[in-house]
Structures are given as structure tokens and as C-alpha cells.
C-alpha atoms as a PDB file:
ATOM      1  CA  MET A   1      10.554 -16.022  23.958  1.00  0.00           C
ATOM      2  CA  ASP A   2       9.814 -18.857  21.707  1.00  0.00           C
ATOM      3  CA  TRP A   3      10.141 -18.488  17.908  1.00  0.00           C
ATOM      4  CA  ILE A   4       6.621 -17.407  17.183  1.00  0.00           C
ATOM      5  CA  GLU A   5       6.969 -14.570  19.716  1.00  0.00           C
ATOM      6  CA  LYS A   6      10.241 -13.507  18.043  1.00  0.00           C
ATOM      7  CA  LYS A   7       8.430 -13.486  14.612  1.00  0.00           C
ATOM      8  CA  ILE A   8       5.461 -11.428  15.921  1.00  0.00           C
ATOM      9  CA  ASP A   9       7.923  -9.059  17.603  1.00  0.00           C
ATOM     10  CA  ALA A  10       9.770  -8.496  14.243  1.00  0.00           C
ATOM     11  CA  ILE A  11       6.388  -7.547  12.759  1.00  0.00           C
ATOM     12  CA  ALA A  12       5.809  -5.302  15.642  1.00  0.00           C
ATOM     13  CA  ARG A  13       9.119  -3.473  15.133  1.00  0.00           C
ATOM     14  CA  ASP A  14       9.214  -3.475  11.556  1.00  0.00           C
ATOM     15  CA  ARG A  15       9.448   0.179  10.065  1.00  0.00           C
ATOM     16  CA  SER A  16      10.461  -0.446   6.475  1.00  0.00           C
ATOM     17  CA  HIS A  17       7.460  -2.500   5.167  1.00  0.00           C
ATOM     18  CA  GLY A  18       3.815  -1.472   4.453  1.00  0.00           C
ATOM     19  CA  ALA A  19       0.713  -3.298   5.677  1.00  0.00           C
ATOM     20  CA  ALA A  20       0.364  -5.621   2.635  1.00  0.00           C
ATOM     21  CA  GLN A  21       4.004  -7.016   3.041  1.00  0.00           C
ATOM     22  CA  LEU A  22       3.513  -7.320   6.857  1.00  0.00           C
ATOM     23  CA  ALA A  23       0.248  -9.327   6.055  1.00  0.00           C
ATOM     24  CA  ASN A  24       2.237 -11.639   3.997  1.00  0.00           C
ATOM     25  CA  SER A  25       4.825 -12.058   6.881  1.00  0.00           C
ATOM     26  CA  ALA A  26       1.961 -12.884   9.135  1.00  0.00           C
ATOM     27  CA  LEU A  27       0.561 -15.682   6.848  1.00  0.00           C
ATOM     28  CA  ARG A  28       4.096 -17.105   6.672  1.00  0.00           C
ATOM     29  CA  ILE A  29       4.304 -17.393  10.514  1.00  0.00           C
ATOM     30  CA  LEU A  30       1.052 -19.375  10.316  1.00  0.00           C
ATOM     31  CA  ILE A  31       2.278 -21.636   7.660  1.00  0.00           C
ATOM     32  CA  THR A  32       5.498 -22.265   9.591  1.00  0.00           C
ATOM     33  CA  LEU A  33       3.442 -22.897  12.660  1.00  0.00           C
ATOM     34  CA  CYS A  34       1.649 -25.777  10.887  1.00  0.00           C
ATOM     35  CA  ARG A  35       4.843 -27.276   9.596  1.00  0.00           C
ATOM     36  CA  ARG A  36       6.660 -27.118  12.928  1.00  0.00           C
ATOM     37  CA  SER A  37       3.907 -27.613  15.344  1.00  0.00           C
ATOM     38  CA  LYS A  38       4.645 -30.214  18.048  1.00  0.00           C
ATOM     39  CA  GLY A  39       1.087 -30.284  19.309  1.00  0.00           C
ATOM     40  CA  LYS A  40      -0.069 -33.745  20.198  1.00  0.00           C
ATOM     41  CA  ASP A  41      -3.719 -33.516  19.062  1.00  0.00           C
ATOM     42  CA  LEU A  42      -5.926 -31.363  16.836  1.00  0.00           C
ATOM     43  CA  GLU A  43      -7.223 -29.341  19.889  1.00  0.00           C
ATOM     44  CA  GLN A  44      -3.809 -28.129  20.769  1.00  0.00           C
ATOM     45  CA  LEU A  45      -2.832 -27.218  17.159  1.00  0.00           C
ATOM     46  CA  THR A  46      -6.068 -25.459  16.663  1.00  0.00           C
ATOM     47  CA  SER A  47      -5.779 -23.511  19.811  1.00  0.00           C
ATOM     48  CA  THR A  48      -2.189 -22.418  18.905  1.00  0.00           C
ATOM     49  CA  VAL A  49      -3.214 -21.237  15.527  1.00  0.00           C
ATOM     50  CA  ARG A  50      -6.097 -19.323  16.894  1.00  0.00           C
ATOM     51  CA  GLN A  51      -3.951 -17.692  19.688  1.00  0.00           C
ATOM     52  CA  THR A  52      -1.287 -16.835  17.202  1.00  0.00           C
ATOM     53  CA  ALA A  53      -3.811 -15.343  14.833  1.00  0.00           C
ATOM     54  CA  LEU A  54      -5.257 -13.133  17.467  1.00  0.00           C
ATOM     55  CA  SER A  55      -1.752 -12.090  18.673  1.00  0.00           C
ATOM     56  CA  LEU A  56      -1.004 -11.029  15.125  1.00  0.00           C
ATOM     57  CA  ALA A  57      -4.278  -9.241  14.898  1.00  0.00           C
ATOM     58  CA  LYS A  58      -3.306  -6.946  17.779  1.00  0.00           C
ATOM     59  CA  VAL A  59       0.437  -6.339  17.061  1.00  0.00           C
ATOM     60  CA  ARG A  60      -0.139  -3.612  14.531  1.00  0.00           C
ATOM     61  CA  PRO A  61      -3.397  -1.761  15.337  1.00  0.00           C
ATOM     62  CA  SER A  62      -2.918   0.718  12.504  1.00  0.00           C
ATOM     63  CA  MET A  63      -2.484  -2.037   9.964  1.00  0.00           C
ATOM     64  CA  ALA A  64      -5.653  -3.902   9.446  1.00  0.00           C
ATOM     65  CA  PRO A  65      -4.471  -6.504   6.964  1.00  0.00           C
ATOM     66  CA  VAL A  66      -2.046  -7.996   9.365  1.00  0.00           C
ATOM     67  CA  GLY A  67      -5.072  -8.962  11.434  1.00  0.00           C
ATOM     68  CA  ASN A  68      -7.517  -9.695   8.682  1.00  0.00           C
ATOM     69  CA  TRP A  69      -5.544 -12.273   6.877  1.00  0.00           C
ATOM     70  CA  SER A  70      -4.475 -13.939  10.105  1.00  0.00           C
ATOM     71  CA  LEU A  71      -8.032 -14.167  11.406  1.00  0.00           C
ATOM     72  CA  LEU A  72      -9.121 -15.469   8.059  1.00  0.00           C
ATOM     73  CA  PHE A  73      -6.485 -18.211   8.169  1.00  0.00           C
ATOM     74  CA  ALA A  74      -7.710 -18.979  11.619  1.00  0.00           C
ATOM     75  CA  HIS A  75     -11.299 -19.057  10.490  1.00  0.00           C
ATOM     76  CA  ARG A  76     -10.685 -21.356   7.589  1.00  0.00           C
ATOM     77  CA  PHE A  77      -8.252 -23.561   9.375  1.00  0.00           C
ATOM     78  CA  GLN A  78     -11.213 -24.333  11.879  1.00  0.00           C
ATOM     79  CA  GLU A  79     -13.316 -25.393   9.190  1.00  0.00           C
ATOM     80  CA  ILE A  80     -10.665 -27.874   8.138  1.00  0.00           C
ATOM     81  CA  ILE A  81     -10.339 -29.298  11.646  1.00  0.00           C
ATOM     82  CA  ASN A  82     -14.117 -29.519  11.759  1.00  0.00           C
ATOM     83  CA  GLN A  83     -13.933 -32.349   9.117  1.00  0.00           C
ATOM     84  CA  THR A  84     -12.265 -34.546  11.800  1.00  0.00           C
ATOM     85  CA  ILE A  85      -9.202 -35.194   9.928  1.00  0.00           C
ATOM     86  CA  SER A  86      -5.893 -36.541  11.544  1.00  0.00           C
ATOM     87  CA  LEU A  87      -3.247 -34.367  12.981  1.00  0.00           C
ATOM     88  CA  PRO A  88      -0.653 -34.807  10.132  1.00  0.00           C
ATOM     89  CA  LYS A  89      -3.297 -34.079   7.491  1.00  0.00           C
ATOM     90  CA  ALA A  90      -4.391 -30.963   9.415  1.00  0.00           C
ATOM     91  CA  LYS A  91      -0.840 -29.659   9.448  1.00  0.00           C
ATOM     92  CA  GLN A  92      -0.491 -30.361   5.730  1.00  0.00           C
ATOM     93  CA  GLN A  93      -3.888 -28.644   5.016  1.00  0.00           C
ATOM     94  CA  GLY A  94      -2.821 -25.640   7.073  1.00  0.00           C
ATOM     95  CA  VAL A  95       0.272 -25.149   4.959  1.00  0.00           C
ATOM     96  CA  LEU A  96      -1.676 -25.519   1.765  1.00  0.00           C
ATOM     97  CA  LEU A  97      -4.231 -23.130   3.095  1.00  0.00           C
ATOM     98  CA  GLY A  98      -1.468 -20.450   3.906  1.00  0.00           C
ATOM     99  CA  GLU A  99       0.008 -20.850   0.449  1.00  0.00           C
ATOM    100  CA  GLU A 100      -3.447 -20.372  -1.138  1.00  0.00           C
ATOM    101  CA  LEU A 101      -4.005 -17.103   0.825  1.00  0.00           C
ATOM    102  CA  LEU A 102      -0.481 -15.940  -0.172  1.00  0.00           C
ATOM    103  CA  ALA A 103      -1.395 -16.626  -3.870  1.00  0.00           C
ATOM    104  CA  GLN A 104      -4.738 -14.654  -3.303  1.00  0.00           C
ATOM    105  CA  GLN A 105      -2.802 -11.737  -1.834  1.00  0.00           C
ATOM    106  CA  GLN A 106      -0.644 -11.642  -5.092  1.00  0.00           C
ATOM    107  CA  ARG A 107      -3.748 -11.791  -7.314  1.00  0.00           C
ATOM    108  CA  PHE A 108      -5.333  -8.910  -5.427  1.00  0.00           C
ATOM    109  CA  VAL A 109      -2.226  -6.740  -6.417  1.00  0.00           C
ATOM    110  CA  GLU A 110      -2.582  -7.943 -10.067  1.00  0.00           C
ATOM    111  CA  LEU A 111      -6.278  -6.902 -10.100  1.00  0.00           C
ATOM    112  CA  GLN A 112      -5.499  -3.530  -8.558  1.00  0.00           C
ATOM    113  CA  VAL A 113      -2.764  -2.886 -11.190  1.00  0.00           C
ATOM    114  CA  LYS A 114      -5.399  -3.823 -13.942  1.00  0.00           C
ATOM    115  CA  ALA A 115      -8.050  -1.580 -12.229  1.00  0.00           C
ATOM    116  CA  ALA A 116      -5.642   1.359 -11.970  1.00  0.00           C
ATOM    117  CA  ARG A 117      -5.250   1.670 -15.670  1.00  0.00           C
ATOM    118  CA  ALA A 118      -8.601   3.016 -16.114  1.00  0.00           C
ATOM    119  CA  ILE A 119      -7.763   6.144 -14.001  1.00  0.00           C
ATOM    120  CA  LEU A 120      -4.124   6.437 -15.028  1.00  0.00           C
ATOM    121  CA  LYS A 121      -4.456   6.031 -18.927  1.00  0.00           C
ATOM    122  CA  ASN A 122      -4.319   9.792 -19.559  1.00  0.00           C
ATOM    123  CA  CYS A 123      -2.189  10.784 -16.673  1.00  0.00           C
ATOM    124  CA  LYS A 124       0.701  12.944 -17.441  1.00  0.00           C
ATOM    125  CA  SER A 125       1.834  13.721 -13.790  1.00  0.00           C
ATOM    126  CA  LEU A 126       1.127  11.716 -10.486  1.00  0.00           C
ATOM    127  CA  PHE A 127       1.915  12.510  -6.941  1.00  0.00           C
ATOM    128  CA  THR A 128       2.443   9.910  -4.210  1.00  0.00           C
ATOM    129  CA  LEU A 129       4.266   9.601  -0.760  1.00  0.00           C
ATOM    130  CA  SER A 130       5.791   7.133   1.505  1.00  0.00           C
ATOM    131  CA  TYR A 131       6.150   3.526   0.423  1.00  0.00           C
ATOM    132  CA  SER A 132       3.530   1.107  -0.557  1.00  0.00           C
ATOM    133  CA  SER A 133       4.300  -2.105  -2.447  1.00  0.00           C
ATOM    134  CA  THR A 134       0.821  -1.871  -4.192  1.00  0.00           C
ATOM    135  CA  VAL A 135       1.422   1.601  -5.272  1.00  0.00           C
ATOM    136  CA  GLU A 136       4.805   0.556  -6.618  1.00  0.00           C
ATOM    137  CA  SER A 137       3.313  -2.231  -8.721  1.00  0.00           C
ATOM    138  CA  ILE A 138       0.715  -0.009 -10.203  1.00  0.00           C
ATOM    139  CA  LEU A 139       3.270   2.742 -11.062  1.00  0.00           C
ATOM    140  CA  LEU A 140       5.481   0.218 -12.709  1.00  0.00           C
ATOM    141  CA  GLN A 141       2.868  -1.480 -14.657  1.00  0.00           C
ATOM    142  CA  SER A 142      -0.086   1.002 -15.157  1.00  0.00           C
ATOM    143  CA  LEU A 143       1.416   4.535 -15.849  1.00  0.00           C
ATOM    144  CA  PRO A 144       1.577   5.762 -19.373  1.00  0.00           C
ATOM    145  CA  PRO A 145       4.972   6.234 -20.984  1.00  0.00           C
ATOM    146  CA  GLY A 146       6.497   9.779 -20.181  1.00  0.00           C
ATOM    147  CA  CYS A 147       4.375  10.274 -17.012  1.00  0.00           C
ATOM    148  CA  ARG A 148       6.109  12.553 -14.367  1.00  0.00           C
ATOM    149  CA  VAL A 149       6.075  11.069 -10.833  1.00  0.00           C
ATOM    150  CA  VAL A 150       6.637  13.151  -7.738  1.00  0.00           C
ATOM    151  CA  ILE A 151       7.333  11.348  -4.443  1.00  0.00           C
ATOM    152  CA  ALA A 152       7.258  12.930  -0.917  1.00  0.00           C
ATOM    153  CA  GLU A 153       9.992  11.450   1.131  1.00  0.00           C
ATOM    154  CA  SER A 154       7.806  10.780   4.431  1.00  0.00           C
ATOM    155  CA  ARG A 155       9.709  11.704   7.486  1.00  0.00           C
ATOM    156  CA  PRO A 156      11.067  10.520   9.765  1.00  0.00           C
ATOM    157  CA  LEU A 157      12.539   7.405   8.175  1.00  0.00           C
ATOM    158  CA  MET A 158      11.990   8.519   4.627  1.00  0.00           C
ATOM    159  CA  GLU A 159      10.186   5.589   3.172  1.00  0.00           C
ATOM    160  CA  GLY A 160       9.502   7.637   0.073  1.00  0.00           C
ATOM    161  CA  ARG A 161      13.256   7.355  -0.856  1.00  0.00           C
ATOM    162  CA  ARG A 162      12.911   3.662  -1.089  1.00  0.00           C
ATOM    163  CA  LEU A 163      10.151   4.172  -3.704  1.00  0.00           C
ATOM    164  CA  PHE A 164      12.315   6.455  -5.585  1.00  0.00           C
ATOM    165  CA  LYS A 165      15.264   4.202  -5.653  1.00  0.00           C
ATOM    166  CA  ASN A 166      12.953   1.299  -6.969  1.00  0.00           C
ATOM    167  CA  LEU A 167      11.783   3.564  -9.731  1.00  0.00           C
ATOM    168  CA  LYS A 168      14.790   5.773 -10.722  1.00  0.00           C
ATOM    169  CA  HIS A 169      15.831   3.490 -13.548  1.00  0.00           C
ATOM    170  CA  ILE A 170      12.442   3.261 -14.934  1.00  0.00           C
ATOM    171  CA  PHE A 171      10.991   6.770 -15.087  1.00  0.00           C
ATOM    172  CA  ALA A 172      12.959   9.520 -16.817  1.00  0.00           C
ATOM    173  CA  ASP A 173      10.945  12.270 -15.044  1.00  0.00           C
ATOM    174  CA  LEU A 174      10.980  11.340 -11.406  1.00  0.00           C
ATOM    175  CA  ARG A 175      11.157  13.846  -8.545  1.00  0.00           C
ATOM    176  CA  MET A 176      11.773  13.619  -4.663  1.00  0.00           C
ATOM    177  CA  ILE A 177      10.429  16.350  -2.642  1.00  0.00           C
ATOM    178  CA  THR A 178      10.228  17.050   1.226  1.00  0.00           C
ATOM    179  CA  ASP A 179       6.804  16.544   2.776  1.00  0.00           C
ATOM    180  CA  ALA A 180       6.620  20.310   3.332  1.00  0.00           C
ATOM    181  CA  GLN A 181       6.509  20.761  -0.399  1.00  0.00           C
ATOM    182  CA  MET A 182       3.305  18.918  -1.076  1.00  0.00           C
ATOM    183  CA  GLY A 183       1.357  22.233  -1.269  1.00  0.00           C
ATOM    184  CA  LEU A 184       3.551  23.430  -4.014  1.00  0.00           C
ATOM    185  CA  ASN A 185       3.583  20.221  -6.166  1.00  0.00           C
ATOM    186  CA  ILE A 186       0.172  18.652  -5.865  1.00  0.00           C
ATOM    187  CA  PRO A 187      -1.642  21.586  -7.760  1.00  0.00           C
ATOM    188  CA  LYS A 188       0.837  20.750 -10.597  1.00  0.00           C
ATOM    189  CA  THR A 189      -0.043  17.020 -10.882  1.00  0.00           C
ATOM    190  CA  ASP A 190      -3.110  15.344 -12.540  1.00  0.00           C
ATOM    191  CA  ILE A 191      -3.636  12.792  -9.725  1.00  0.00           C
ATOM    192  CA  VAL A 192      -2.673  11.784  -6.245  1.00  0.00           C
ATOM    193  CA  LEU A 193      -2.287   7.994  -5.513  1.00  0.00           C
ATOM    194  CA  VAL A 194      -1.491   6.884  -2.140  1.00  0.00           C
ATOM    195  CA  GLY A 195      -1.558   3.398  -0.295  1.00  0.00           C
ATOM    196  CA  ALA A 196      -3.443   2.563   2.892  1.00  0.00           C
ATOM    197  CA  ASP A 197      -2.707   0.801   5.902  1.00  0.00           C
ATOM    198  CA  THR A 198      -6.356   0.468   7.208  1.00  0.00           C
ATOM    199  CA  ILE A 199      -9.774   1.427   5.854  1.00  0.00           C
ATOM    200  CA  LEU A 200     -11.929   2.313   8.895  1.00  0.00           C
ATOM    201  CA  SER A 201     -15.559   1.383   9.200  1.00  0.00           C
ATOM    202  CA  ASP A 202     -16.617   5.023   8.381  1.00  0.00           C
ATOM    203  CA  LEU A 203     -14.509   4.744   5.201  1.00  0.00           C
ATOM    204  CA  ALA A 204     -11.769   7.158   6.479  1.00  0.00           C
ATOM    205  CA  VAL A 205      -8.265   6.032   5.523  1.00  0.00           C
ATOM    206  CA  VAL A 206      -5.226   5.338   7.893  1.00  0.00           C
ATOM    207  CA  ASN A 207      -2.021   5.856   6.227  1.00  0.00           C
ATOM    208  CA  LYS A 208       1.487   7.322   6.814  1.00  0.00           C
ATOM    209  CA  THR A 209       1.502  10.784   8.197  1.00  0.00           C
ATOM    210  CA  GLY A 210       1.187  13.382   5.449  1.00  0.00           C
ATOM    211  CA  THR A 211      -1.557  11.535   3.588  1.00  0.00           C
ATOM    212  CA  TYR A 212      -4.216  13.667   5.183  1.00  0.00           C
ATOM    213  CA  LEU A 213      -2.405  16.885   4.296  1.00  0.00           C
ATOM    214  CA  SER A 214      -1.989  15.690   0.558  1.00  0.00           C
ATOM    215  CA  ALA A 215      -5.754  14.905   0.523  1.00  0.00           C
ATOM    216  CA  LEU A 216      -6.437  18.422   1.721  1.00  0.00           C
ATOM    217  CA  VAL A 217      -4.239  20.026  -0.923  1.00  0.00           C
ATOM    218  CA  SER A 218      -5.750  17.850  -3.595  1.00  0.00           C
ATOM    219  CA  HIS A 219      -9.311  18.891  -2.468  1.00  0.00           C
ATOM    220  CA  THR A 220      -8.369  22.418  -2.471  1.00  0.00           C
ATOM    221  CA  HIS A 221      -6.947  22.355  -5.931  1.00  0.00           C
ATOM    222  CA  GLY A 222      -9.611  20.010  -7.448  1.00  0.00           C
ATOM    223  CA  ARG A 223      -7.185  17.036  -7.898  1.00  0.00           C
ATOM    224  CA  ASP A 224      -8.493  13.502  -7.916  1.00  0.00           C
ATOM    225  CA  PHE A 225      -7.265  11.619  -4.729  1.00  0.00           C
ATOM    226  CA  PHE A 226      -7.240   7.867  -5.082  1.00  0.00           C
ATOM    227  CA  VAL A 227      -6.448   5.225  -2.512  1.00  0.00           C
ATOM    228  CA  ALA A 228      -4.883   1.824  -3.516  1.00  0.00           C
ATOM    229  CA  ALA A 229      -6.300  -0.492  -0.957  1.00  0.00           C
ATOM    230  CA  ASP A 230      -7.857  -3.948  -1.384  1.00  0.00           C
ATOM    231  CA  THR A 231     -10.865  -4.726   0.620  1.00  0.00           C
ATOM    232  CA  TYR A 232      -8.856  -6.832   3.190  1.00  0.00           C
ATOM    233  CA  LYS A 233      -7.631  -3.471   4.550  1.00  0.00           C
ATOM    234  CA  ILE A 234     -10.929  -2.909   6.245  1.00  0.00           C
ATOM    235  CA  ASN A 235     -11.139  -2.614   9.930  1.00  0.00           C
ATOM    236  CA  ALA A 236     -14.861  -2.926  10.713  1.00  0.00           C
ATOM    237  CA  HIS A 237     -14.235  -2.538  14.532  1.00  0.00           C
ATOM    238  CA  MET A 238     -12.706   1.047  14.275  1.00  0.00           C
ATOM    239  CA  ASP A 239     -13.816   4.219  13.047  1.00  0.00           C
ATOM    240  CA  SER A 240     -12.209   7.740  13.014  1.00  0.00           C
ATOM    241  CA  HIS A 241     -13.161   8.340  16.761  1.00  0.00           C
ATOM    242  CA  ASN A 242     -11.664   5.120  18.246  1.00  0.00           C
ATOM    243  CA  CYS A 243      -8.953   4.340  15.920  1.00  0.00           C
ATOM    244  CA  ILE A 244      -5.463   3.615  17.406  1.00  0.00           C
ATOM    245  CA  LEU A 245      -2.791   5.518  15.748  1.00  0.00           C
ATOM    246  CA  GLU A 246       0.790   3.969  16.281  1.00  0.00           C
ATOM    247  CA  SER A 247       3.528   6.374  17.783  1.00  0.00           C
ATOM    248  CA  LYS A 248       7.176   5.634  17.875  1.00  0.00           C
ATOM    249  CA  SER A 249      10.153   6.995  19.814  1.00  0.00           C
ATOM    250  CA  GLY A 250      10.948  10.619  19.452  1.00  0.00           C
ATOM    251  CA  ARG A 251      14.518   9.588  19.054  1.00  0.00           C
ATOM    252  CA  GLU A 252      13.702   8.990  15.380  1.00  0.00           C
ATOM    253  CA  LEU A 253      13.007  12.847  14.992  1.00  0.00           C
ATOM    254  CA  TRP A 254      15.674  14.313  17.138  1.00  0.00           C
ATOM    255  CA  PRO A 255      17.801  12.101  19.340  1.00  0.00           C
ATOM    256  CA  GLN A 256      18.881  14.941  21.534  1.00  0.00           C
ATOM    257  CA  GLN A 257      15.256  16.017  22.281  1.00  0.00           C
ATOM    258  CA  GLU A 258      13.747  12.617  22.281  1.00  0.00           C
ATOM    259  CA  LYS A 259      11.241  13.212  25.235  1.00  0.00           C
ATOM    260  CA  GLN A 260      10.003  16.451  23.706  1.00  0.00           C
ATOM    261  CA  CYS A 261       9.305  14.995  20.221  1.00  0.00           C
ATOM    262  CA  GLU A 262       6.027  13.530  19.017  1.00  0.00           C
ATOM    263  CA  ASN A 263       6.261  10.772  16.443  1.00  0.00           C
ATOM    264  CA  VAL A 264       2.829   9.636  15.433  1.00  0.00           C
ATOM    265  CA  TYR A 265       3.311   7.404  12.396  1.00  0.00           C
ATOM    266  CA  PHE A 266      -0.239   7.498  10.907  1.00  0.00           C
ATOM    267  CA  ASP A 267      -3.055  10.017  10.147  1.00  0.00           C
ATOM    268  CA  ILE A 268      -6.681   9.757   9.275  1.00  0.00           C
ATOM    269  CA  THR A 269      -7.856  10.987   5.838  1.00  0.00           C
ATOM    270  CA  PRO A 270     -11.691  11.656   5.958  1.00  0.00           C
ATOM    271  CA  PRO A 271     -13.843   9.812   3.266  1.00  0.00           C
ATOM    272  CA  GLU A 272     -15.206  13.089   1.782  1.00  0.00           C
ATOM    273  CA  PHE A 273     -11.659  13.856   0.404  1.00  0.00           C
ATOM    274  CA  ILE A 274     -11.409  10.330  -1.355  1.00  0.00           C
ATOM    275  CA  SER A 275     -12.332  10.168  -5.108  1.00  0.00           C
ATOM    276  CA  GLY A 276     -12.210   6.342  -5.179  1.00  0.00           C
ATOM    277  CA  PHE A 277     -10.539   3.198  -4.091  1.00  0.00           C
ATOM    278  CA  VAL A 278      -8.319   1.029  -6.454  1.00  0.00           C
ATOM    279  CA  THR A 279      -9.304  -2.403  -5.280  1.00  0.00           C
ATOM    280  CA  GLU A 280      -9.254  -6.087  -6.433  1.00  0.00           C
ATOM    281  CA  GLU A 281     -12.939  -5.580  -7.229  1.00  0.00           C
ATOM    282  CA  GLY A 282     -12.063  -2.539  -9.475  1.00  0.00           C
ATOM    283  CA  ILE A 283     -12.410   1.283  -8.832  1.00  0.00           C
ATOM    284  CA  LEU A 284     -14.847   1.462  -5.896  1.00  0.00           C
ATOM    285  CA  ASP A 285     -16.576   4.692  -4.649  1.00  0.00           C
ATOM    286  CA  LEU A 286     -17.608   5.101  -1.101  1.00  0.00           C
ATOM    287  CA  ALA A 287     -20.846   3.259  -1.488  1.00  0.00           C
ATOM    288  CA  GLY A 288     -19.062   0.276  -3.139  1.00  0.00           C
ATOM    289  CA  MET A 289     -16.478   0.163  -0.255  1.00  0.00           C
ATOM    290  CA  GLN A 290     -19.266   0.369   2.299  1.00  0.00           C
ATOM    291  CA  LEU A 291     -20.659  -2.999   1.065  1.00  0.00           C
ATOM    292  CA  HIS A 292     -17.313  -4.566   1.908  1.00  0.00           C
ATOM    293  CA  VAL A 293     -17.273  -2.964   5.396  1.00  0.00           C
ATOM    294  CA  GLU A 294     -20.652  -4.798   5.972  1.00  0.00           C
ATOM    295  CA  LYS A 295     -19.163  -8.106   4.859  1.00  0.00           C
ATOM    296  CA  TRP A 296     -16.243  -7.733   7.229  1.00  0.00           C
ATOM    297  CA  GLU A 297     -18.547  -6.834  10.145  1.00  0.00           C
ATOM    298  CA  GLU A 298     -20.425 -10.140   9.507  1.00  0.00           C
ATOM    299  CA  LEU A 299     -17.069 -12.126   9.295  1.00  0.00           C
ATOM    300  CA  TYR A 300     -15.889 -10.680  12.591  1.00  0.00           C
ATOM    301  CA  ARG A 301     -19.227 -11.828  14.285  1.00  0.00           C
ATOM    302  CA  ASP A 302     -18.586 -15.309  13.068  1.00  0.00           C
ATOM    303  CA  LEU A 303     -14.970 -15.267  14.335  1.00  0.00           C
ATOM    304  CA  GLU A 304     -16.072 -13.988  17.752  1.00  0.00           C
ATOM    305  CA  SER A 305     -18.899 -16.486  18.259  1.00  0.00           C
END
């Protein structure tokens, strides 16, 4: 296994980072590829970049940003190559391209933090679950003082505890609950804010298991349910009917009964339960997000042609 395969395998096995962070890792692989490539000509370098991007696009099927940012890199790198520049120049431009896309990812988070302030300015109590780096940034920078934050731990690896640890010295009124207590706690909160690993073409949301249940409880009790997800989390190829949900070993649930345990990591939240999306374009409703689905459908067609 060469270094590229090892890096891609690390993304495949990663259980502690969300989609946005893994997309960042994918871009760094492509940057390193441009730096370290031993290809003898532009054609070989282009082929390696494209194949690596395609491999990254397949490695985490429930996490659209990993593939989207990788394929965008490959698409724009091909445009650079089409200018018929030298191999050293192409490698240099590839590094600069990757750094530009990493900066764009960070700008997206900053814009989402800004957008979230509109829906959180009067919030006195918020519920979330699992771990999302975007949600963490929003909570740290957009919540009003004194807001109560409740976090569901998110079995089996307890990603919610990571968010709790990162926030415990910031928020005086911070609570951790088991996933089974969502039905008790969400009715007492003003708003539910979750991350997303993928937005499907029918605008359903793929996220860590428990998200769908939190949406159902929110809907039943008339609570707003917002999804923090930039438009690069759209997978225009998949909908609720053909979506691939990643499953992991039952050993994580109960080592002694590994073969009898089901351990599906993600679930699907239907669009009718979603109040809006916190994106780099502001707060989008379903119609606004649908326009971005159509843009990704067009880009996919260009990449496949």
C-alpha cells in the first residue's frame, strides 16, 4: 500500500471526525500528491490526481463533502493543465489550488457562524447531538450569553462527549444526556441544531443516528429543527431511496455479541421535518437549497463528461 492508499484508508477508518474535517483531510492528500508526485509528464500527474479524487469520492459514501471537494479539486486542476503549462508549474499550481480550497472551507464556516446568529439571537435553550465542527463553531460564536445547551452523547462512540468537553469551560449551563432522553429534553428547548454529513438530492439529510429521532420529537412538539450544512454537502446522485448508509462492526456495541449487533452509523431525516439550513449562503429553506442541488447536478455532468 503506497502513501496515498494509506491516507485514504485512514479517512475510511476515521470514527472521530465529521464530514467537514474529513473533506479537509482529503484536500490535504491532493495537495501532498502535487508536492510529492514523481510523475514524468502532465498526463501522468493529471491521471493520478483524477484517480485519487475518484477514490476519495467513494471512500465515505455517507459523507458527501469528502467527494465533492476532491472532485472539485480534480475539475479545477484539469482546467490548469489545459493551459499547457510545464510539469513543475502544474505541481505548484496544484498546491496553490488546494490551499485556496482549504481557505474557502474555512470561509464557509465563518459565513455559517454569521448566518446562525439570525436564528439564535433570542435562544435560551438549544439541543444538539453527536459532534460537528461546524456546530461547535456556531455554538462558540453565535449563542447568546446564558443559553442552556443540551447534548446527546451519540452511541456507540459517544461523539457528543467530545463536543461537551470542548464546551464545558465556556457554557455555565451545559448538560449531557443519553440518546434515549431526547424525547424528554427536546420539548424543553427553544431550538434543535444538528450537523449533516450529506444532503441528498431530495433534500433529506444524512447524519449520525439519532438525528431522525430528534427531528421527529422536534416536529411533534413544534420546535424548530435547523441543519448546519454548507452547500458542498449535497450529493446530487443519491436520494432517500438509493442512499448508502455506512455500517460498522457490532463489536463497538457489544463485543461479546458482535455478530448479533447492528451498528448503522447514519440515518436519514426527511425534508418535511427541517425548518431550514444554516449555509454559507445564509439561512436557506428547502426551495433555496434545491437550487444548489441543481448546480451540483450540472457540475457532476461536467466531471463525468
